[in-house]
Amino acid sequence: MSLARPSVKEFFTIDVGDGVTLDGYMLKPSTFEGFRARYESFFGEPLPDVWLDDRSVSLSRRVINDNAGRSRVSVEGDMACLASPGGRVDIVVNDIARDALEFISCTGSFYVRELPGLLLDEEKVGLVATLVEHRVLRVAP
């Protein structure tokens, strides 16, 4: 059994009338969920976290911000907000993370450990994992 498939066959039957049916199949692009299902069926265990970007974030993980220099940070009261170039709010966090958000907003790629400010290591990881999960950042290859 191959885990990597460029496409998946979906079978169907069409009633063309007068008691005649036509059997066929359509090739559909493979998806990550399809890969996950084949992996778990083949190996009998869940897909390792390394395949799930937001679960593989650590201090030594490098991430990429495709919107560097175009996102903006604002502060309201004791909360800091990171907004995308179109104005969509990506995340609102306690003001203690403002320095980290400002760094993220203008930096194209960085290691999680490089985030400035007063965040603890696990808070840095949590912040970046959340931004990866919501596709604000992406894990570097």
N, C-alpha and C. Protein backbone atom coordinates (compact mmCIF):
# COMPACT_ATOMS: atom_id res chain seq x y z
N MET A 1 0.85 -1.19 0.00
CA MET A 1 0.00 0.00 0.00
C MET A 1 0.88 1.24 0.00
N SER A 2 0.61 2.13 -0.88
CA SER A 2 1.35 3.39 -0.94
C SER A 2 0.64 4.44 -0.10
N LEU A 3 1.42 5.19 0.69
CA LEU A 3 0.83 6.26 1.49
C LEU A 3 0.63 7.53 0.67
N ALA A 4 1.54 7.76 -0.27
CA ALA A 4 1.45 8.97 -1.08
C ALA A 4 0.69 8.65 -2.36
N ARG A 5 -0.38 9.37 -2.59
CA ARG A 5 -1.16 9.18 -3.80
C ARG A 5 -1.45 10.54 -4.41
N PRO A 6 -1.21 10.67 -5.72
CA PRO A 6 -1.48 11.96 -6.33
C PRO A 6 -2.97 12.24 -6.43
N SER A 7 -3.80 11.19 -6.46
CA SER A 7 -5.23 11.39 -6.56
C SER A 7 -5.96 10.19 -5.97
N VAL A 8 -7.26 10.36 -5.75
CA VAL A 8 -8.10 9.32 -5.16
C VAL A 8 -9.22 9.04 -6.14
N LYS A 9 -9.54 7.77 -6.37
CA LYS A 9 -10.65 7.39 -7.26
C LYS A 9 -11.96 7.43 -6.47
N GLU A 10 -12.94 8.14 -7.01
CA GLU A 10 -14.28 8.14 -6.43
C GLU A 10 -15.21 7.51 -7.48
N PHE A 11 -15.80 6.36 -7.12
CA PHE A 11 -16.64 5.61 -8.05
C PHE A 11 -18.07 6.12 -7.99
N PHE A 12 -18.75 6.03 -9.13
CA PHE A 12 -20.15 6.47 -9.19
C PHE A 12 -20.88 5.68 -10.27
N THR A 13 -22.22 5.71 -10.20
CA THR A 13 -23.10 5.10 -11.19
C THR A 13 -24.12 6.14 -11.63
N ILE A 14 -24.32 6.25 -12.94
CA ILE A 14 -25.29 7.20 -13.48
C ILE A 14 -26.37 6.41 -14.20
N ASP A 15 -27.63 6.73 -13.88
CA ASP A 15 -28.76 6.14 -14.59
C ASP A 15 -29.00 6.97 -15.83
N VAL A 16 -28.73 6.39 -17.02
CA VAL A 16 -28.89 7.14 -18.26
C VAL A 16 -30.26 6.91 -18.90
N GLY A 17 -31.13 6.18 -18.25
CA GLY A 17 -32.48 5.95 -18.74
C GLY A 17 -32.63 4.61 -19.42
N ASP A 18 -33.88 4.21 -19.59
CA ASP A 18 -34.21 2.95 -20.25
C ASP A 18 -33.52 1.75 -19.61
N GLY A 19 -33.32 1.81 -18.27
CA GLY A 19 -32.71 0.70 -17.55
C GLY A 19 -31.21 0.56 -17.77
N VAL A 20 -30.60 1.56 -18.35
CA VAL A 20 -29.17 1.51 -18.64
C VAL A 20 -28.43 2.38 -17.61
N THR A 21 -27.38 1.81 -17.04
CA THR A 21 -26.55 2.57 -16.09
C THR A 21 -25.13 2.64 -16.63
N LEU A 22 -24.47 3.69 -16.20
CA LEU A 22 -23.09 3.90 -16.61
C LEU A 22 -22.24 3.98 -15.35
N ASP A 23 -21.27 3.08 -15.23
CA ASP A 23 -20.36 3.10 -14.10
C ASP A 23 -19.11 3.89 -14.49
N GLY A 24 -18.58 4.63 -13.52
CA GLY A 24 -17.38 5.38 -13.80
C GLY A 24 -16.68 5.78 -12.52
N TYR A 25 -15.60 6.48 -12.69
CA TYR A 25 -14.92 7.04 -11.52
C TYR A 25 -14.29 8.37 -11.90
N MET A 26 -14.08 9.17 -10.87
CA MET A 26 -13.47 10.48 -11.03
C MET A 26 -12.21 10.50 -10.19
N LEU A 27 -11.14 11.08 -10.73
CA LEU A 27 -9.91 11.24 -9.96
C LEU A 27 -9.98 12.56 -9.23
N LYS A 28 -9.91 12.51 -7.92
CA LYS A 28 -9.93 13.73 -7.11
C LYS A 28 -8.56 13.90 -6.47
N PRO A 29 -8.12 15.14 -6.28
CA PRO A 29 -6.82 15.36 -5.64
C PRO A 29 -6.80 14.78 -4.24
N SER A 30 -5.67 14.23 -3.87
CA SER A 30 -5.50 13.70 -2.53
C SER A 30 -5.46 14.85 -1.53
N THR A 31 -5.94 14.60 -0.31
CA THR A 31 -5.95 15.63 0.73
C THR A 31 -5.11 15.17 1.91
N PHE A 32 -4.81 16.12 2.78
CA PHE A 32 -4.07 15.78 3.99
C PHE A 32 -4.89 14.81 4.85
N GLU A 33 -6.21 15.04 4.93
CA GLU A 33 -7.05 14.14 5.73
C GLU A 33 -7.05 12.73 5.16
N GLY A 34 -7.01 12.62 3.83
CA GLY A 34 -6.92 11.30 3.21
C GLY A 34 -5.58 10.64 3.54
N PHE A 35 -4.51 11.42 3.50
CA PHE A 35 -3.19 10.90 3.88
C PHE A 35 -3.20 10.42 5.31
N ARG A 36 -3.80 11.24 6.21
CA ARG A 36 -3.87 10.87 7.62
C ARG A 36 -4.60 9.52 7.78
N ALA A 37 -5.72 9.38 7.11
CA ALA A 37 -6.51 8.14 7.21
C ALA A 37 -5.71 6.94 6.70
N ARG A 38 -5.01 7.10 5.56
CA ARG A 38 -4.20 5.99 5.04
C ARG A 38 -3.05 5.66 5.99
N TYR A 39 -2.40 6.68 6.55
CA TYR A 39 -1.30 6.46 7.50
C TYR A 39 -1.79 5.67 8.70
N GLU A 40 -2.90 6.13 9.30
CA GLU A 40 -3.42 5.48 10.50
C GLU A 40 -3.90 4.07 10.22
N SER A 41 -4.46 3.85 9.03
CA SER A 41 -4.88 2.50 8.65
C SER A 41 -3.67 1.58 8.44
N PHE A 42 -2.65 2.11 7.79
CA PHE A 42 -1.46 1.32 7.47
C PHE A 42 -0.63 1.00 8.71
N PHE A 43 -0.39 2.01 9.57
CA PHE A 43 0.49 1.83 10.72
C PHE A 43 -0.26 1.50 12.02
N GLY A 44 -1.57 1.70 12.03
CA GLY A 44 -2.36 1.38 13.22
C GLY A 44 -2.11 2.33 14.38
N GLU A 45 -1.66 3.54 14.12
CA GLU A 45 -1.43 4.52 15.17
C GLU A 45 -1.66 5.91 14.60
N PRO A 46 -1.89 6.89 15.47
CA PRO A 46 -2.15 8.26 14.98
C PRO A 46 -0.95 8.86 14.28
N LEU A 47 -1.23 9.78 13.39
CA LEU A 47 -0.19 10.51 12.69
C LEU A 47 0.67 11.26 13.70
N PRO A 48 2.01 11.18 13.62
CA PRO A 48 2.87 11.89 14.58
C PRO A 48 2.69 13.40 14.49
N ASP A 49 2.90 14.07 15.61
CA ASP A 49 2.73 15.52 15.68
C ASP A 49 3.60 16.29 14.70
N VAL A 50 4.71 15.70 14.25
CA VAL A 50 5.60 16.40 13.33
C VAL A 50 4.87 16.76 12.04
N TRP A 51 3.80 16.03 11.71
CA TRP A 51 3.02 16.32 10.51
C TRP A 51 2.04 17.47 10.73
N LEU A 52 1.80 17.83 11.98
CA LEU A 52 0.83 18.88 12.31
C LEU A 52 1.60 20.11 12.76
N ASP A 53 1.71 21.10 11.90
CA ASP A 53 2.59 22.24 12.12
C ASP A 53 2.41 22.89 13.48
N ASP A 54 1.17 23.15 13.89
CA ASP A 54 0.97 23.87 15.14
C ASP A 54 1.39 23.04 16.35
N ARG A 55 1.48 21.72 16.20
CA ARG A 55 1.91 20.86 17.31
C ARG A 55 3.41 20.65 17.32
N SER A 56 4.09 21.10 16.27
CA SER A 56 5.54 20.89 16.20
C SER A 56 6.33 22.16 16.52
N VAL A 57 5.65 23.18 17.02
CA VAL A 57 6.32 24.44 17.35
C VAL A 57 7.11 24.25 18.64
N SER A 58 8.36 24.67 18.61
CA SER A 58 9.22 24.63 19.79
C SER A 58 10.12 25.87 19.72
N LEU A 59 10.92 26.08 20.75
CA LEU A 59 11.81 27.23 20.76
C LEU A 59 12.79 27.21 19.58
N SER A 60 13.16 26.02 19.14
CA SER A 60 14.13 25.91 18.05
C SER A 60 13.48 25.85 16.67
N ARG A 61 12.17 26.04 16.62
CA ARG A 61 11.46 26.00 15.33
C ARG A 61 11.53 27.37 14.64
N ARG A 62 11.85 27.35 13.36
CA ARG A 62 11.87 28.58 12.57
C ARG A 62 10.51 28.72 11.90
N VAL A 63 9.97 29.93 11.93
CA VAL A 63 8.67 30.20 11.30
C VAL A 63 8.81 31.35 10.31
N ILE A 64 7.84 31.45 9.41
CA ILE A 64 7.85 32.44 8.34
C ILE A 64 6.59 33.28 8.42
N ASN A 65 6.76 34.59 8.25
CA ASN A 65 5.65 35.52 8.22
C ASN A 65 5.59 36.13 6.83
N ASP A 66 4.65 35.67 6.02
CA ASP A 66 4.54 36.18 4.65
C ASP A 66 4.01 37.60 4.60
N ASN A 67 3.46 38.09 5.71
CA ASN A 67 2.93 39.45 5.75
C ASN A 67 3.83 40.41 6.53
N ALA A 68 5.08 40.05 6.69
CA ALA A 68 6.01 40.91 7.44
C ALA A 68 6.04 42.31 6.86
N GLY A 69 5.94 43.29 7.75
CA GLY A 69 5.96 44.68 7.34
C GLY A 69 4.61 45.21 6.90
N ARG A 70 3.63 44.33 6.75
CA ARG A 70 2.29 44.76 6.33
C ARG A 70 1.25 44.59 7.43
N SER A 71 1.55 43.77 8.45
CA SER A 71 0.66 43.61 9.59
C SER A 71 0.88 44.78 10.54
N ARG A 72 -0.08 45.01 11.41
CA ARG A 72 0.10 46.11 12.36
C ARG A 72 -0.31 45.66 13.76
N VAL A 73 0.31 46.29 14.74
CA VAL A 73 0.01 46.01 16.15
C VAL A 73 -0.62 47.25 16.75
N SER A 74 -1.67 47.05 17.51
CA SER A 74 -2.29 48.16 18.23
C SER A 74 -2.49 47.73 19.67
N VAL A 75 -2.62 48.72 20.55
CA VAL A 75 -2.80 48.45 21.97
C VAL A 75 -4.06 49.17 22.42
N GLU A 76 -4.88 48.45 23.13
CA GLU A 76 -6.09 49.03 23.70
C GLU A 76 -6.19 48.57 25.14
N GLY A 77 -6.01 49.52 26.06
CA GLY A 77 -6.00 49.15 27.48
C GLY A 77 -4.80 48.27 27.76
N ASP A 78 -5.08 47.09 28.32
CA ASP A 78 -3.99 46.16 28.65
C ASP A 78 -3.93 44.99 27.66
N MET A 79 -4.46 45.22 26.44
CA MET A 79 -4.46 44.17 25.42
C MET A 79 -3.72 44.66 24.17
N ALA A 80 -2.99 43.75 23.53
CA ALA A 80 -2.30 44.04 22.27
C ALA A 80 -2.96 43.23 21.17
N CYS A 81 -3.06 43.82 20.00
CA CYS A 81 -3.77 43.21 18.88
C CYS A 81 -2.87 43.17 17.66
N LEU A 82 -2.83 42.03 16.97
CA LEU A 82 -2.12 41.90 15.70
C LEU A 82 -3.17 41.81 14.61
N ALA A 83 -3.13 42.72 13.64
CA ALA A 83 -4.10 42.74 12.54
C ALA A 83 -3.38 42.50 11.22
N SER A 84 -4.04 41.76 10.34
CA SER A 84 -3.49 41.47 9.01
C SER A 84 -3.54 42.71 8.13
N PRO A 85 -2.89 42.67 6.97
CA PRO A 85 -2.89 43.83 6.09
C PRO A 85 -4.29 44.32 5.72
N GLY A 86 -5.25 43.42 5.64
CA GLY A 86 -6.62 43.80 5.30
C GLY A 86 -7.42 44.31 6.49
N GLY A 87 -6.79 44.32 7.67
CA GLY A 87 -7.47 44.82 8.86
C GLY A 87 -8.12 43.75 9.72
N ARG A 88 -8.09 42.50 9.26
CA ARG A 88 -8.66 41.40 10.06
C ARG A 88 -7.82 41.20 11.31
N VAL A 89 -8.47 41.09 12.45
CA VAL A 89 -7.75 40.86 13.70
C VAL A 89 -7.33 39.40 13.75
N ASP A 90 -6.03 39.17 13.85
CA ASP A 90 -5.50 37.81 13.90
C ASP A 90 -5.44 37.27 15.32
N ILE A 91 -5.07 38.13 16.26
CA ILE A 91 -4.97 37.69 17.65
C ILE A 91 -5.00 38.91 18.58
N VAL A 92 -5.63 38.73 19.73
CA VAL A 92 -5.62 39.74 20.78
C VAL A 92 -5.11 39.04 22.03
N VAL A 93 -4.05 39.60 22.61
CA VAL A 93 -3.41 38.99 23.78
C VAL A 93 -3.08 40.05 24.82
N ASN A 94 -2.70 39.59 25.98
CA ASN A 94 -2.29 40.50 27.05
C ASN A 94 -1.13 41.35 26.57
N ASP A 95 -1.09 42.59 27.03
CA ASP A 95 -0.07 43.55 26.60
C ASP A 95 1.36 43.07 26.86
N ILE A 96 1.54 42.08 27.73
CA ILE A 96 2.89 41.56 27.99
C ILE A 96 3.52 40.99 26.71
N ALA A 97 2.67 40.63 25.73
CA ALA A 97 3.17 40.05 24.47
C ALA A 97 3.34 41.10 23.38
N ARG A 98 3.17 42.38 23.70
CA ARG A 98 3.24 43.43 22.67
C ARG A 98 4.59 43.43 21.95
N ASP A 99 5.69 43.35 22.69
CA ASP A 99 7.01 43.36 22.04
C ASP A 99 7.14 42.18 21.06
N ALA A 100 6.63 41.03 21.47
CA ALA A 100 6.69 39.85 20.59
C ALA A 100 5.83 40.08 19.35
N LEU A 101 4.63 40.63 19.51
CA LEU A 101 3.77 40.89 18.36
C LEU A 101 4.38 41.91 17.41
N GLU A 102 5.00 42.95 17.94
CA GLU A 102 5.65 43.95 17.09
C GLU A 102 6.80 43.33 16.30
N PHE A 103 7.56 42.45 16.96
CA PHE A 103 8.65 41.73 16.29
C PHE A 103 8.08 40.86 15.17
N ILE A 104 7.02 40.11 15.49
CA ILE A 104 6.39 39.22 14.51
C ILE A 104 5.88 40.02 13.32
N SER A 105 5.26 41.17 13.59
CA SER A 105 4.63 41.95 12.52
C SER A 105 5.64 42.47 11.48
N CYS A 106 6.89 42.62 11.86
CA CYS A 106 7.86 43.19 10.92
C CYS A 106 9.00 42.24 10.55
N THR A 107 8.94 40.99 10.97
CA THR A 107 10.03 40.05 10.73
C THR A 107 9.56 38.93 9.80
N GLY A 108 10.29 38.73 8.72
CA GLY A 108 9.92 37.74 7.72
C GLY A 108 10.11 36.29 8.15
N SER A 109 11.16 36.02 8.88
CA SER A 109 11.38 34.67 9.41
C SER A 109 12.21 34.78 10.68
N PHE A 110 11.92 33.89 11.60
CA PHE A 110 12.61 33.93 12.89
C PHE A 110 12.44 32.60 13.60
N TYR A 111 13.30 32.37 14.58
CA TYR A 111 13.17 31.23 15.48
C TYR A 111 12.31 31.68 16.66
N VAL A 112 11.48 30.80 17.16
CA VAL A 112 10.58 31.13 18.26
C VAL A 112 11.36 31.71 19.44
N ARG A 113 12.53 31.17 19.71
CA ARG A 113 13.34 31.62 20.85
C ARG A 113 13.76 33.09 20.72
N GLU A 114 13.71 33.65 19.51
CA GLU A 114 14.13 35.03 19.27
C GLU A 114 13.08 36.06 19.67
N LEU A 115 11.88 35.64 20.01
CA LEU A 115 10.85 36.62 20.36
C LEU A 115 11.30 37.46 21.55
N PRO A 116 11.23 38.78 21.42
CA PRO A 116 11.66 39.66 22.51
C PRO A 116 10.55 39.85 23.54
N GLY A 117 10.91 40.48 24.61
CA GLY A 117 9.92 40.82 25.64
C GLY A 117 10.00 39.91 26.85
N LEU A 118 8.97 39.97 27.65
CA LEU A 118 8.95 39.28 28.93
C LEU A 118 8.25 37.93 28.91
N LEU A 119 7.94 37.41 27.75
CA LEU A 119 7.25 36.12 27.68
C LEU A 119 8.16 34.98 28.14
N LEU A 120 7.58 34.05 28.87
CA LEU A 120 8.29 32.82 29.23
C LEU A 120 8.41 31.96 27.98
N ASP A 121 9.32 31.01 27.99
CA ASP A 121 9.52 30.16 26.82
C ASP A 121 8.23 29.46 26.39
N GLU A 122 7.47 28.91 27.34
CA GLU A 122 6.23 28.22 26.97
C GLU A 122 5.18 29.19 26.43
N GLU A 123 5.23 30.44 26.84
CA GLU A 123 4.32 31.44 26.29
C GLU A 123 4.71 31.81 24.86
N LYS A 124 6.00 31.86 24.57
CA LYS A 124 6.46 32.10 23.21
C LYS A 124 5.97 30.98 22.29
N VAL A 125 6.15 29.75 22.74
CA VAL A 125 5.72 28.59 21.95
C VAL A 125 4.20 28.64 21.75
N GLY A 126 3.45 28.93 22.81
CA GLY A 126 2.00 28.98 22.71
C GLY A 126 1.51 30.06 21.76
N LEU A 127 2.13 31.23 21.81
CA LEU A 127 1.76 32.33 20.93
C LEU A 127 2.01 31.96 19.47
N VAL A 128 3.20 31.46 19.19
CA VAL A 128 3.54 31.11 17.81
C VAL A 128 2.70 29.93 17.32
N ALA A 129 2.48 28.92 18.16
CA ALA A 129 1.66 27.77 17.76
C ALA A 129 0.25 28.23 17.38
N THR A 130 -0.29 29.17 18.14
CA THR A 130 -1.63 29.70 17.82
C THR A 130 -1.62 30.43 16.49
N LEU A 131 -0.59 31.22 16.24
CA LEU A 131 -0.50 31.95 14.97
C LEU A 131 -0.26 31.00 13.80
N VAL A 132 0.44 29.90 14.02
CA VAL A 132 0.62 28.89 12.97
C VAL A 132 -0.71 28.18 12.72
N GLU A 133 -1.39 27.82 13.78
CA GLU A 133 -2.68 27.12 13.64
C GLU A 133 -3.67 27.95 12.83
N HIS A 134 -3.64 29.26 13.01
CA HIS A 134 -4.58 30.15 12.31
C HIS A 134 -3.99 30.72 11.02
N ARG A 135 -2.85 30.17 10.61
CA ARG A 135 -2.19 30.47 9.34
C ARG A 135 -1.74 31.92 9.19
N VAL A 136 -1.44 32.54 10.31
CA VAL A 136 -0.81 33.86 10.29
C VAL A 136 0.67 33.68 10.02
N LEU A 137 1.25 32.65 10.64
CA LEU A 137 2.64 32.26 10.42
C LEU A 137 2.63 30.86 9.83
N ARG A 138 3.75 30.48 9.23
CA ARG A 138 3.88 29.09 8.77
C ARG A 138 5.24 28.55 9.20
N VAL A 139 5.27 27.26 9.43
CA VAL A 139 6.50 26.60 9.86
C VAL A 139 7.44 26.52 8.66
N ALA A 140 8.69 26.88 8.88
CA ALA A 140 9.69 26.82 7.81
C ALA A 140 10.02 25.36 7.50
N PRO A 141 10.31 25.09 6.23
CA PRO A 141 10.67 23.70 5.85
C PRO A 141 12.00 23.29 6.44
